[in-house]
Amino acid sequence: SLQRMGLDYVDIFYHHRPDADVDLEESMTALSDAVKSGKALYAG
């Protein structure tokens, strides 16, 4: 997404829908790491 938009970061990165096939902690850890990497400023 960052490459398509030509951005270094987005202000908000969302998990678009819950996934019953993946543990919630894995999805939330991915969101958290996106913010900690600087590629997103906030998580939703």
PDB file of all heavy atoms in Angstrom:
ATOM      1  N   SER A   1       0.833  -1.210   0.000  1.00  0.00           N
ATOM      2  CA  SER A   1       0.000   0.000   0.000  1.00  0.00           C
ATOM      3  C   SER A   1       0.867   1.259   0.000  1.00  0.00           C
ATOM      4  O   SER A   1       0.602   2.213  -0.731  1.00  0.00           O
ATOM      5  CB  SER A   1      -0.928   0.011   1.220  1.00  0.00           C
ATOM      6  OG  SER A   1      -1.931  -0.978   1.111  1.00  0.00           O
ATOM      7  N   LEU A   2       1.898   1.262   0.829  1.00  0.00           N
ATOM      8  CA  LEU A   2       2.806   2.410   0.876  1.00  0.00           C
ATOM      9  C   LEU A   2       3.479   2.620  -0.472  1.00  0.00           C
ATOM     10  O   LEU A   2       3.621   3.763  -0.944  1.00  0.00           O
ATOM     11  CB  LEU A   2       3.856   2.205   1.969  1.00  0.00           C
ATOM     12  CG  LEU A   2       3.343   2.207   3.412  1.00  0.00           C
ATOM     13  CD1 LEU A   2       4.461   1.843   4.369  1.00  0.00           C
ATOM     14  CD2 LEU A   2       2.742   3.563   3.786  1.00  0.00           C
ATOM     15  N   GLN A   3       3.861   1.543  -1.120  1.00  0.00           N
ATOM     16  CA  GLN A   3       4.507   1.653  -2.425  1.00  0.00           C
ATOM     17  C   GLN A   3       3.540   2.215  -3.464  1.00  0.00           C
ATOM     18  O   GLN A   3       3.911   3.090  -4.264  1.00  0.00           O
ATOM     19  CB  GLN A   3       5.014   0.283  -2.873  1.00  0.00           C
ATOM     20  CG  GLN A   3       5.786   0.308  -4.182  1.00  0.00           C
ATOM     21  CD  GLN A   3       6.365  -1.051  -4.530  1.00  0.00           C
ATOM     22  OE1 GLN A   3       6.031  -2.052  -3.910  1.00  0.00           O
ATOM     23  NE2 GLN A   3       7.225  -1.074  -5.530  1.00  0.00           N
ATOM     24  N   ARG A   4       2.288   1.734  -3.457  1.00  0.00           N
ATOM     25  CA  ARG A   4       1.309   2.227  -4.427  1.00  0.00           C
ATOM     26  C   ARG A   4       1.031   3.719  -4.250  1.00  0.00           C
ATOM     27  O   ARG A   4       0.843   4.444  -5.225  1.00  0.00           O
ATOM     28  CB  ARG A   4       0.006   1.424  -4.320  1.00  0.00           C
ATOM     29  CG  ARG A   4       0.057   0.062  -4.983  1.00  0.00           C
ATOM     30  CD  ARG A   4      -1.307  -0.580  -5.041  1.00  0.00           C
ATOM     31  NE  ARG A   4      -1.776  -1.012  -3.740  1.00  0.00           N
ATOM     32  CZ  ARG A   4      -1.594  -2.219  -3.234  1.00  0.00           C
ATOM     33  NH1 ARG A   4      -0.936  -3.141  -3.930  1.00  0.00           N
ATOM     34  NH2 ARG A   4      -2.065  -2.545  -2.050  1.00  0.00           N
ATOM     35  N   MET A   5       0.978   4.170  -3.001  1.00  0.00           N
ATOM     36  CA  MET A   5       0.666   5.579  -2.754  1.00  0.00           C
ATOM     37  C   MET A   5       1.902   6.470  -2.744  1.00  0.00           C
ATOM     38  O   MET A   5       1.783   7.699  -2.727  1.00  0.00           O
ATOM     39  CB  MET A   5      -0.088   5.715  -1.426  1.00  0.00           C
ATOM     40  CG  MET A   5      -1.491   5.150  -1.482  1.00  0.00           C
ATOM     41  SD  MET A   5      -2.480   5.489   0.009  1.00  0.00           S
ATOM     42  CE  MET A   5      -1.804   4.258   1.149  1.00  0.00           C
ATOM     43  N   GLY A   6       3.086   5.870  -2.737  1.00  0.00           N
ATOM     44  CA  GLY A   6       4.311   6.663  -2.704  1.00  0.00           C
ATOM     45  C   GLY A   6       4.532   7.336  -1.364  1.00  0.00           C
ATOM     46  O   GLY A   6       5.058   8.450  -1.294  1.00  0.00           O
ATOM     47  N   LEU A   7       4.184   6.642  -0.278  1.00  0.00           N
ATOM     48  CA  LEU A   7       4.279   7.203   1.063  1.00  0.00           C
ATOM     49  C   LEU A   7       5.306   6.439   1.898  1.00  0.00           C
ATOM     50  O   LEU A   7       5.547   5.257   1.678  1.00  0.00           O
ATOM     51  CB  LEU A   7       2.919   7.124   1.768  1.00  0.00           C
ATOM     52  CG  LEU A   7       1.782   7.966   1.187  1.00  0.00           C
ATOM     53  CD1 LEU A   7       0.482   7.649   1.911  1.00  0.00           C
ATOM     54  CD2 LEU A   7       2.097   9.449   1.284  1.00  0.00           C
ATOM     55  N   ASP A   8       5.854   7.128   2.888  1.00  0.00           N
ATOM     56  CA  ASP A   8       6.723   6.486   3.873  1.00  0.00           C
ATOM     57  C   ASP A   8       5.911   5.900   5.023  1.00  0.00           C
ATOM     58  O   ASP A   8       6.363   4.966   5.693  1.00  0.00           O
ATOM     59  CB  ASP A   8       7.736   7.484   4.435  1.00  0.00           C
ATOM     60  CG  ASP A   8       8.702   7.991   3.385  1.00  0.00           C
ATOM     61  OD1 ASP A   8       9.091   7.197   2.503  1.00  0.00           O
ATOM     62  OD2 ASP A   8       9.058   9.187   3.435  1.00  0.00           O
ATOM     63  N   TYR A   9       4.729   6.465   5.263  1.00  0.00           N
ATOM     64  CA  TYR A   9       3.874   6.005   6.358  1.00  0.00           C
ATOM     65  C   TYR A   9       2.435   6.379   6.062  1.00  0.00           C
ATOM     66  O   TYR A   9       2.159   7.286   5.266  1.00  0.00           O
ATOM     67  CB  TYR A   9       4.300   6.640   7.690  1.00  0.00           C
ATOM     68  CG  TYR A   9       4.006   8.130   7.764  1.00  0.00           C
ATOM     69  CD1 TYR A   9       2.797   8.597   8.302  1.00  0.00           C
ATOM     70  CD2 TYR A   9       4.902   9.065   7.274  1.00  0.00           C
ATOM     71  CE1 TYR A   9       2.511   9.955   8.352  1.00  0.00           C
ATOM     72  CE2 TYR A   9       4.632  10.421   7.319  1.00  0.00           C
ATOM     73  CZ  TYR A   9       3.428  10.867   7.855  1.00  0.00           C
ATOM     74  OH  TYR A   9       3.140  12.214   7.897  1.00  0.00           O
ATOM     75  N   VAL A  10       1.507   5.667   6.676  1.00  0.00           N
ATOM     76  CA  VAL A  10       0.110   6.089   6.715  1.00  0.00           C
ATOM     77  C   VAL A  10      -0.186   6.545   8.137  1.00  0.00           C
ATOM     78  O   VAL A  10       0.482   6.145   9.086  1.00  0.00           O
ATOM     79  CB  VAL A  10      -0.860   4.968   6.302  1.00  0.00           C
ATOM     80  CG1 VAL A  10      -0.743   4.669   4.816  1.00  0.00           C
ATOM     81  CG2 VAL A  10      -0.667   3.714   7.138  1.00  0.00           C
ATOM     82  N   ASP A  11      -1.189   7.364   8.263  1.00  0.00           N
ATOM     83  CA  ASP A  11      -1.543   7.855   9.597  1.00  0.00           C
ATOM     84  C   ASP A  11      -2.299   6.809  10.397  1.00  0.00           C
ATOM     85  O   ASP A  11      -2.120   6.703  11.617  1.00  0.00           O
ATOM     86  CB  ASP A  11      -2.371   9.136   9.461  1.00  0.00           C
ATOM     87  CG  ASP A  11      -1.575  10.242   8.797  1.00  0.00           C
ATOM     88  OD1 ASP A  11      -0.805  10.914   9.489  1.00  0.00           O
ATOM     89  OD2 ASP A  11      -1.686  10.395   7.559  1.00  0.00           O
ATOM     90  N   ILE A  12      -3.158   6.036   9.729  1.00  0.00           N
ATOM     91  CA  ILE A  12      -3.917   4.984  10.411  1.00  0.00           C
ATOM     92  C   ILE A  12      -3.838   3.713   9.578  1.00  0.00           C
ATOM     93  O   ILE A  12      -4.078   3.732   8.367  1.00  0.00           O
ATOM     94  CB  ILE A  12      -5.404   5.363  10.595  1.00  0.00           C
ATOM     95  CG1 ILE A  12      -5.570   6.725  11.275  1.00  0.00           C
ATOM     96  CG2 ILE A  12      -6.128   4.284  11.404  1.00  0.00           C
ATOM     97  CD1 ILE A  12      -7.008   7.245  11.256  1.00  0.00           C
ATOM     98  N   PHE A  13      -3.522   2.595  10.224  1.00  0.00           N
ATOM     99  CA  PHE A  13      -3.561   1.293   9.580  1.00  0.00           C
ATOM    100  C   PHE A  13      -4.566   0.432  10.328  1.00  0.00           C
ATOM    101  O   PHE A  13      -4.482   0.275  11.550  1.00  0.00           O
ATOM    102  CB  PHE A  13      -2.178   0.634   9.599  1.00  0.00           C
ATOM    103  CG  PHE A  13      -2.122  -0.700   8.909  1.00  0.00           C
ATOM    104  CD1 PHE A  13      -2.669  -0.877   7.645  1.00  0.00           C
ATOM    105  CD2 PHE A  13      -1.511  -1.786   9.525  1.00  0.00           C
ATOM    106  CE1 PHE A  13      -2.614  -2.117   7.002  1.00  0.00           C
ATOM    107  CE2 PHE A  13      -1.444  -3.022   8.895  1.00  0.00           C
ATOM    108  CZ  PHE A  13      -1.995  -3.186   7.629  1.00  0.00           C
ATOM    109  N   TYR A  14      -5.542  -0.112   9.590  1.00  0.00           N
ATOM    110  CA  TYR A  14      -6.616  -0.905  10.175  1.00  0.00           C
ATOM    111  C   TYR A  14      -6.486  -2.387   9.844  1.00  0.00           C
ATOM    112  O   TYR A  14      -6.071  -2.749   8.732  1.00  0.00           O
ATOM    113  CB  TYR A  14      -7.967  -0.496   9.580  1.00  0.00           C
ATOM    114  CG  TYR A  14      -8.522   0.846   9.899  1.00  0.00           C
ATOM    115  CD1 TYR A  14      -8.233   1.952   9.101  1.00  0.00           C
ATOM    116  CD2 TYR A  14      -9.420   1.018  10.955  1.00  0.00           C
ATOM    117  CE1 TYR A  14      -8.796   3.194   9.351  1.00  0.00           C
ATOM    118  CE2 TYR A  14     -10.001   2.258  11.211  1.00  0.00           C
ATOM    119  CZ  TYR A  14      -9.677   3.338  10.414  1.00  0.00           C
ATOM    120  OH  TYR A  14     -10.246   4.568  10.658  1.00  0.00           O
ATOM    121  N   HIS A  15      -6.915  -3.219  10.782  1.00  0.00           N
ATOM    122  CA  HIS A  15      -7.300  -4.561  10.394  1.00  0.00           C
ATOM    123  C   HIS A  15      -8.740  -4.455   9.915  1.00  0.00           C
ATOM    124  O   HIS A  15      -9.628  -4.074  10.680  1.00  0.00           O
ATOM    125  CB  HIS A  15      -7.186  -5.543  11.559  1.00  0.00           C
ATOM    126  CG  HIS A  15      -7.388  -6.961  11.122  1.00  0.00           C
ATOM    127  ND1 HIS A  15      -7.930  -7.922  11.936  1.00  0.00           N
ATOM    128  CD2 HIS A  15      -7.112  -7.588   9.929  1.00  0.00           C
ATOM    129  CE1 HIS A  15      -7.978  -9.078  11.280  1.00  0.00           C
ATOM    130  NE2 HIS A  15      -7.494  -8.889  10.063  1.00  0.00           N
ATOM    131  N   HIS A  16      -8.963  -4.795   8.647  1.00  0.00           N
ATOM    132  CA  HIS A  16     -10.213  -4.489   7.961  1.00  0.00           C
ATOM    133  C   HIS A  16     -11.387  -5.328   8.447  1.00  0.00           C
ATOM    134  O   HIS A  16     -12.543  -4.945   8.294  1.00  0.00           O
ATOM    135  CB  HIS A  16     -10.014  -4.715   6.454  1.00  0.00           C
ATOM    136  CG  HIS A  16     -10.859  -3.861   5.591  1.00  0.00           C
ATOM    137  ND1 HIS A  16     -10.634  -3.695   4.250  1.00  0.00           N
ATOM    138  CD2 HIS A  16     -11.941  -3.097   5.845  1.00  0.00           C
ATOM    139  CE1 HIS A  16     -11.526  -2.888   3.722  1.00  0.00           C
ATOM    140  NE2 HIS A  16     -12.337  -2.509   4.664  1.00  0.00           N
ATOM    141  N   ARG A  17     -11.104  -6.493   9.006  1.00  0.00           N
ATOM    142  CA  ARG A  17     -12.168  -7.368   9.519  1.00  0.00           C
ATOM    143  C   ARG A  17     -11.543  -8.417  10.417  1.00  0.00           C
ATOM    144  O   ARG A  17     -10.396  -8.828  10.221  1.00  0.00           O
ATOM    145  CB  ARG A  17     -12.893  -8.068   8.383  1.00  0.00           C
ATOM    146  CG  ARG A  17     -11.999  -9.047   7.628  1.00  0.00           C
ATOM    147  CD  ARG A  17     -12.765  -9.970   6.701  1.00  0.00           C
ATOM    148  NE  ARG A  17     -11.873 -11.005   6.193  1.00  0.00           N
ATOM    149  CZ  ARG A  17     -11.918 -12.271   6.576  1.00  0.00           C
ATOM    150  NH1 ARG A  17     -12.785 -12.668   7.488  1.00  0.00           N
ATOM    151  NH2 ARG A  17     -11.087 -13.157   6.055  1.00  0.00           N
ATOM    152  N   PRO A  18     -12.270  -8.910  11.410  1.00  0.00           N
ATOM    153  CA  PRO A  18     -11.732 -10.003  12.231  1.00  0.00           C
ATOM    154  C   PRO A  18     -11.633 -11.282  11.416  1.00  0.00           C
ATOM    155  O   PRO A  18     -12.384 -11.488  10.465  1.00  0.00           O
ATOM    156  CB  PRO A  18     -12.762 -10.130  13.362  1.00  0.00           C
ATOM    157  CG  PRO A  18     -14.009  -9.533  12.814  1.00  0.00           C
ATOM    158  CD  PRO A  18     -13.588  -8.454  11.871  1.00  0.00           C
ATOM    159  N   ASP A  19     -10.690 -12.128  11.766  1.00  0.00           N
ATOM    160  CA  ASP A  19     -10.449 -13.371  11.043  1.00  0.00           C
ATOM    161  C   ASP A  19     -10.508 -14.532  12.034  1.00  0.00           C
ATOM    162  O   ASP A  19      -9.635 -14.682  12.889  1.00  0.00           O
ATOM    163  CB  ASP A  19      -9.076 -13.317  10.358  1.00  0.00           C
ATOM    164  CG  ASP A  19      -8.787 -14.548   9.514  1.00  0.00           C
ATOM    165  OD1 ASP A  19      -9.608 -15.499   9.527  1.00  0.00           O
ATOM    166  OD2 ASP A  19      -7.745 -14.564   8.842  1.00  0.00           O
ATOM    167  N   ALA A  20     -11.539 -15.350  11.908  1.00  0.00           N
ATOM    168  CA  ALA A  20     -11.726 -16.472  12.835  1.00  0.00           C
ATOM    169  C   ALA A  20     -10.677 -17.555  12.656  1.00  0.00           C
ATOM    170  O   ALA A  20     -10.549 -18.439  13.510  1.00  0.00           O
ATOM    171  CB  ALA A  20     -13.126 -17.068  12.639  1.00  0.00           C
ATOM    172  N   ASP A  21      -9.917 -17.527  11.570  1.00  0.00           N
ATOM    173  CA  ASP A  21      -8.912 -18.549  11.310  1.00  0.00           C
ATOM    174  C   ASP A  21      -7.534 -18.192  11.858  1.00  0.00           C
ATOM    175  O   ASP A  21      -6.604 -18.998  11.776  1.00  0.00           O
ATOM    176  CB  ASP A  21      -8.785 -18.790   9.803  1.00  0.00           C
ATOM    177  CG  ASP A  21     -10.045 -19.413   9.215  1.00  0.00           C
ATOM    178  OD1 ASP A  21     -10.702 -20.181   9.931  1.00  0.00           O
ATOM    179  OD2 ASP A  21     -10.367 -19.115   8.057  1.00  0.00           O
ATOM    180  N   VAL A  22      -7.384 -16.974  12.359  1.00  0.00           N
ATOM    181  CA  VAL A  22      -6.091 -16.522  12.869  1.00  0.00           C
ATOM    182  C   VAL A  22      -6.279 -16.019  14.294  1.00  0.00           C
ATOM    183  O   VAL A  22      -7.232 -15.293  14.588  1.00  0.00           O
ATOM    184  CB  VAL A  22      -5.501 -15.406  11.981  1.00  0.00           C
ATOM    185  CG1 VAL A  22      -4.224 -14.833  12.581  1.00  0.00           C
ATOM    186  CG2 VAL A  22      -5.231 -15.931  10.573  1.00  0.00           C
ATOM    187  N   ASP A  23      -5.377 -16.402  15.180  1.00  0.00           N
ATOM    188  CA  ASP A  23      -5.462 -15.944  16.559  1.00  0.00           C
ATOM    189  C   ASP A  23      -5.446 -14.418  16.610  1.00  0.00           C
ATOM    190  O   ASP A  23      -4.640 -13.769  15.932  1.00  0.00           O
ATOM    191  CB  ASP A  23      -4.281 -16.501  17.356  1.00  0.00           C
ATOM    192  CG  ASP A  23      -4.413 -16.224  18.834  1.00  0.00           C
ATOM    193  OD1 ASP A  23      -5.139 -16.964  19.515  1.00  0.00           O
ATOM    194  OD2 ASP A  23      -3.784 -15.257  19.296  1.00  0.00           O
ATOM    195  N   LEU A  24      -6.322 -13.844  17.410  1.00  0.00           N
ATOM    196  CA  LEU A  24      -6.453 -12.392  17.490  1.00  0.00           C
ATOM    197  C   LEU A  24      -5.138 -11.739  17.887  1.00  0.00           C
ATOM    198  O   LEU A  24      -4.800 -10.654  17.407  1.00  0.00           O
ATOM    199  CB  LEU A  24      -7.563 -12.023  18.482  1.00  0.00           C
ATOM    200  CG  LEU A  24      -7.857 -10.545  18.663  1.00  0.00           C
ATOM    201  CD1 LEU A  24      -8.291  -9.896  17.349  1.00  0.00           C
ATOM    202  CD2 LEU A  24      -8.934 -10.340  19.730  1.00  0.00           C
ATOM    203  N   GLU A  25      -4.376 -12.390  18.749  1.00  0.00           N
ATOM    204  CA  GLU A  25      -3.110 -11.809  19.190  1.00  0.00           C
ATOM    205  C   GLU A  25      -2.137 -11.632  18.019  1.00  0.00           C
ATOM    206  O   GLU A  25      -1.385 -10.657  17.981  1.00  0.00           O
ATOM    207  CB  GLU A  25      -2.471 -12.674  20.277  1.00  0.00           C
ATOM    208  CG  GLU A  25      -1.176 -12.108  20.794  1.00  0.00           C
ATOM    209  CD  GLU A  25      -1.106 -12.063  22.311  1.00  0.00           C
ATOM    210  OE1 GLU A  25      -2.068 -12.495  22.982  1.00  0.00           O
ATOM    211  OE2 GLU A  25      -0.088 -11.573  22.825  1.00  0.00           O
ATOM    212  N   GLU A  26      -2.136 -12.548  17.070  1.00  0.00           N
ATOM    213  CA  GLU A  26      -1.248 -12.411  15.914  1.00  0.00           C
ATOM    214  C   GLU A  26      -1.626 -11.179  15.088  1.00  0.00           C
ATOM    215  O   GLU A  26      -0.762 -10.404  14.671  1.00  0.00           O
ATOM    216  CB  GLU A  26      -1.301 -13.654  15.026  1.00  0.00           C
ATOM    217  CG  GLU A  26      -0.429 -13.512  13.780  1.00  0.00           C
ATOM    218  CD  GLU A  26      -0.325 -14.778  12.956  1.00  0.00           C
ATOM    219  OE1 GLU A  26      -0.632 -15.879  13.480  1.00  0.00           O
ATOM    220  OE2 GLU A  26       0.086 -14.687  11.788  1.00  0.00           O
ATOM    221  N   SER A  27      -2.924 -10.992  14.849  1.00  0.00           N
ATOM    222  CA  SER A  27      -3.374  -9.827  14.076  1.00  0.00           C
ATOM    223  C   SER A  27      -3.044  -8.533  14.799  1.00  0.00           C
ATOM    224  O   SER A  27      -2.576  -7.571  14.184  1.00  0.00           O
ATOM    225  CB  SER A  27      -4.879  -9.918  13.816  1.00  0.00           C
ATOM    226  OG  SER A  27      -5.214 -11.084  13.103  1.00  0.00           O
ATOM    227  N   MET A  28      -3.279  -8.502  16.107  1.00  0.00           N
ATOM    228  CA  MET A  28      -3.017  -7.281  16.860  1.00  0.00           C
ATOM    229  C   MET A  28      -1.517  -7.011  16.973  1.00  0.00           C
ATOM    230  O   MET A  28      -1.084  -5.851  16.936  1.00  0.00           O
ATOM    231  CB  MET A  28      -3.648  -7.375  18.250  1.00  0.00           C
ATOM    232  CG  MET A  28      -5.171  -7.393  18.235  1.00  0.00           C
ATOM    233  SD  MET A  28      -5.938  -5.957  17.415  1.00  0.00           S
ATOM    234  CE  MET A  28      -6.334  -6.672  15.796  1.00  0.00           C
ATOM    235  N   THR A  29      -0.708  -8.065  17.086  1.00  0.00           N
ATOM    236  CA  THR A  29       0.736  -7.865  17.126  1.00  0.00           C
ATOM    237  C   THR A  29       1.234  -7.278  15.813  1.00  0.00           C
ATOM    238  O   THR A  29       2.129  -6.419  15.796  1.00  0.00           O
ATOM    239  CB  THR A  29       1.456  -9.185  17.430  1.00  0.00           C
ATOM    240  OG1 THR A  29       1.004  -9.690  18.690  1.00  0.00           O
ATOM    241  CG2 THR A  29       2.963  -8.981  17.505  1.00  0.00           C
ATOM    242  N   ALA A  30       0.647  -7.719  14.690  1.00  0.00           N
ATOM    243  CA  ALA A  30       1.013  -7.147  13.388  1.00  0.00           C
ATOM    244  C   ALA A  30       0.675  -5.667  13.341  1.00  0.00           C
ATOM    245  O   ALA A  30       1.468  -4.838  12.865  1.00  0.00           O
ATOM    246  CB  ALA A  30       0.306  -7.901  12.267  1.00  0.00           C
ATOM    247  N   LEU A  31      -0.513  -5.300  13.848  1.00  0.00           N
ATOM    248  CA  LEU A  31      -0.888  -3.874  13.894  1.00  0.00           C
ATOM    249  C   LEU A  31       0.098  -3.093  14.756  1.00  0.00           C
ATOM    250  O   LEU A  31       0.554  -2.002  14.378  1.00  0.00           O
ATOM    251  CB  LEU A  31      -2.295  -3.714  14.481  1.00  0.00           C
ATOM    252  CG  LEU A  31      -3.505  -3.823  13.566  1.00  0.00           C
ATOM    253  CD1 LEU A  31      -4.774  -3.529  14.372  1.00  0.00           C
ATOM    254  CD2 LEU A  31      -3.405  -2.871  12.380  1.00  0.00           C
ATOM    255  N   SER A  32       0.397  -3.621  15.926  1.00  0.00           N
ATOM    256  CA  SER A  32       1.309  -2.937  16.835  1.00  0.00           C
ATOM    257  C   SER A  32       2.683  -2.759  16.204  1.00  0.00           C
ATOM    258  O   SER A  32       3.293  -1.679  16.285  1.00  0.00           O
ATOM    259  CB  SER A  32       1.426  -3.731  18.141  1.00  0.00           C
ATOM    260  OG  SER A  32       2.347  -3.118  19.021  1.00  0.00           O
ATOM    261  N   ASP A  33       3.171  -3.801  15.553  1.00  0.00           N
ATOM    262  CA  ASP A  33       4.496  -3.715  14.936  1.00  0.00           C
ATOM    263  C   ASP A  33       4.511  -2.749  13.755  1.00  0.00           C
ATOM    264  O   ASP A  33       5.542  -2.128  13.475  1.00  0.00           O
ATOM    265  CB  ASP A  33       4.958  -5.104  14.492  1.00  0.00           C
ATOM    266  CG  ASP A  33       5.350  -5.991  15.666  1.00  0.00           C
ATOM    267  OD1 ASP A  33       5.437  -5.461  16.797  1.00  0.00           O
ATOM    268  OD2 ASP A  33       5.555  -7.200  15.461  1.00  0.00           O
ATOM    269  N   ALA A  34       3.374  -2.618  13.062  1.00  0.00           N
ATOM    270  CA  ALA A  34       3.295  -1.641  11.975  1.00  0.00           C
ATOM    271  C   ALA A  34       3.515  -0.232  12.519  1.00  0.00           C
ATOM    272  O   ALA A  34       4.211   0.590  11.914  1.00  0.00           O
ATOM    273  CB  ALA A  34       1.945  -1.738  11.273  1.00  0.00           C
ATOM    274  N   VAL A  35       2.934   0.049  13.686  1.00  0.00           N
ATOM    275  CA  VAL A  35       3.109   1.360  14.313  1.00  0.00           C
ATOM    276  C   VAL A  35       4.541   1.517  14.834  1.00  0.00           C
ATOM    277  O   VAL A  35       5.190   2.547  14.612  1.00  0.00           O
ATOM    278  CB  VAL A  35       2.081   1.556  15.449  1.00  0.00           C
ATOM    279  CG1 VAL A  35       2.371   2.831  16.227  1.00  0.00           C
ATOM    280  CG2 VAL A  35       0.662   1.592  14.883  1.00  0.00           C
ATOM    281  N   LYS A  36       5.046   0.504  15.514  1.00  0.00           N
ATOM    282  CA  LYS A  36       6.389   0.608  16.089  1.00  0.00           C
ATOM    283  C   LYS A  36       7.474   0.713  15.019  1.00  0.00           C
ATOM    284  O   LYS A  36       8.551   1.270  15.268  1.00  0.00           O
ATOM    285  CB  LYS A  36       6.645  -0.590  17.002  1.00  0.00           C
ATOM    286  CG  LYS A  36       5.798  -0.543  18.277  1.00  0.00           C
ATOM    287  CD  LYS A  36       6.003  -1.768  19.146  1.00  0.00           C
ATOM    288  CE  LYS A  36       5.150  -1.671  20.412  1.00  0.00           C
ATOM    289  NZ  LYS A  36       5.276  -2.867  21.272  1.00  0.00           N
ATOM    290  N   SER A  37       7.188   0.219  13.814  1.00  0.00           N
ATOM    291  CA  SER A  37       8.142   0.330  12.709  1.00  0.00           C
ATOM    292  C   SER A  37       8.150   1.716  12.077  1.00  0.00           C
ATOM    293  O   SER A  37       9.042   2.022  11.282  1.00  0.00           O
ATOM    294  CB  SER A  37       7.818  -0.711  11.638  1.00  0.00           C
ATOM    295  OG  SER A  37       6.635  -0.350  10.927  1.00  0.00           O
ATOM    296  N   GLY A  38       7.143   2.530  12.394  1.00  0.00           N
ATOM    297  CA  GLY A  38       7.034   3.850  11.801  1.00  0.00           C
ATOM    298  C   GLY A  38       6.270   3.872  10.492  1.00  0.00           C
ATOM    299  O   GLY A  38       6.107   4.939   9.881  1.00  0.00           O
ATOM    300  N   LYS A  39       5.773   2.713  10.050  1.00  0.00           N
ATOM    301  CA  LYS A  39       5.021   2.674   8.789  1.00  0.00           C
ATOM    302  C   LYS A  39       3.569   3.090   8.969  1.00  0.00           C
ATOM    303  O   LYS A  39       2.861   3.323   7.989  1.00  0.00           O
ATOM    304  CB  LYS A  39       5.107   1.269   8.184  1.00  0.00           C
ATOM    305  CG  LYS A  39       6.516   0.895   7.755  1.00  0.00           C
ATOM    306  CD  LYS A  39       6.583  -0.523   7.211  1.00  0.00           C
ATOM    307  CE  LYS A  39       8.020  -0.887   6.833  1.00  0.00           C
ATOM    308  NZ  LYS A  39       8.114  -2.286   6.324  1.00  0.00           N
ATOM    309  N   ALA A  40       3.114   3.175  10.199  1.00  0.00           N
ATOM    310  CA  ALA A  40       1.798   3.704  10.552  1.00  0.00           C
ATOM    311  C   ALA A  40       1.944   4.474  11.854  1.00  0.00           C
ATOM    312  O   ALA A  40       2.778   4.125  12.695  1.00  0.00           O
ATOM    313  CB  ALA A  40       0.772   2.586  10.707  1.00  0.00           C
ATOM    314  N   LEU A  41       1.132   5.514  12.015  1.00  0.00           N
ATOM    315  CA  LEU A  41       1.200   6.308  13.238  1.00  0.00           C
ATOM    316  C   LEU A  41       0.173   5.856  14.278  1.00  0.00           C
ATOM    317  O   LEU A  41       0.417   5.985  15.475  1.00  0.00           O
ATOM    318  CB  LEU A  41       0.999   7.786  12.911  1.00  0.00           C
ATOM    319  CG  LEU A  41       1.982   8.403  11.906  1.00  0.00           C
ATOM    320  CD1 LEU A  41       1.749   9.906  11.800  1.00  0.00           C
ATOM    321  CD2 LEU A  41       3.421   8.101  12.280  1.00  0.00           C
ATOM    322  N   TYR A  42      -0.964   5.351  13.808  1.00  0.00           N
ATOM    323  CA  TYR A  42      -2.020   4.885  14.702  1.00  0.00           C
ATOM    324  C   TYR A  42      -2.575   3.572  14.167  1.00  0.00           C
ATOM    325  O   TYR A  42      -2.461   3.271  12.976  1.00  0.00           O
ATOM    326  CB  TYR A  42      -3.161   5.906  14.795  1.00  0.00           C
ATOM    327  CG  TYR A  42      -2.767   7.239  15.391  1.00  0.00           C
ATOM    328  CD1 TYR A  42      -2.406   8.306  14.562  1.00  0.00           C
ATOM    329  CD2 TYR A  42      -2.773   7.450  16.763  1.00  0.00           C
ATOM    330  CE1 TYR A  42      -2.052   9.541  15.098  1.00  0.00           C
ATOM    331  CE2 TYR A  42      -2.422   8.675  17.303  1.00  0.00           C
ATOM    332  CZ  TYR A  42      -2.067   9.715  16.459  1.00  0.00           C
ATOM    333  OH  TYR A  42      -1.717  10.931  16.998  1.00  0.00           O
ATOM    334  N   ALA A  43      -3.217   2.807  15.051  1.00  0.00           N
ATOM    335  CA  ALA A  43      -3.808   1.527  14.677  1.00  0.00           C
ATOM    336  C   ALA A  43      -5.303   1.545  14.921  1.00  0.00           C
ATOM    337  O   ALA A  43      -5.792   2.166  15.873  1.00  0.00           O
ATOM    338  CB  ALA A  43      -3.164   0.388  15.474  1.00  0.00           C
ATOM    339  N   GLY A  44      -6.045   0.831  14.052  1.00  0.00           N
ATOM    340  CA  GLY A  44      -7.481   0.746  14.193  1.00  0.00           C
ATOM    341  C   GLY A  44      -8.003  -0.601  13.740  1.00  0.00           C
ATOM    342  O   GLY A  44      -7.269  -1.421  13.178  1.00  0.00           O
TER     343      GLY A  44
END
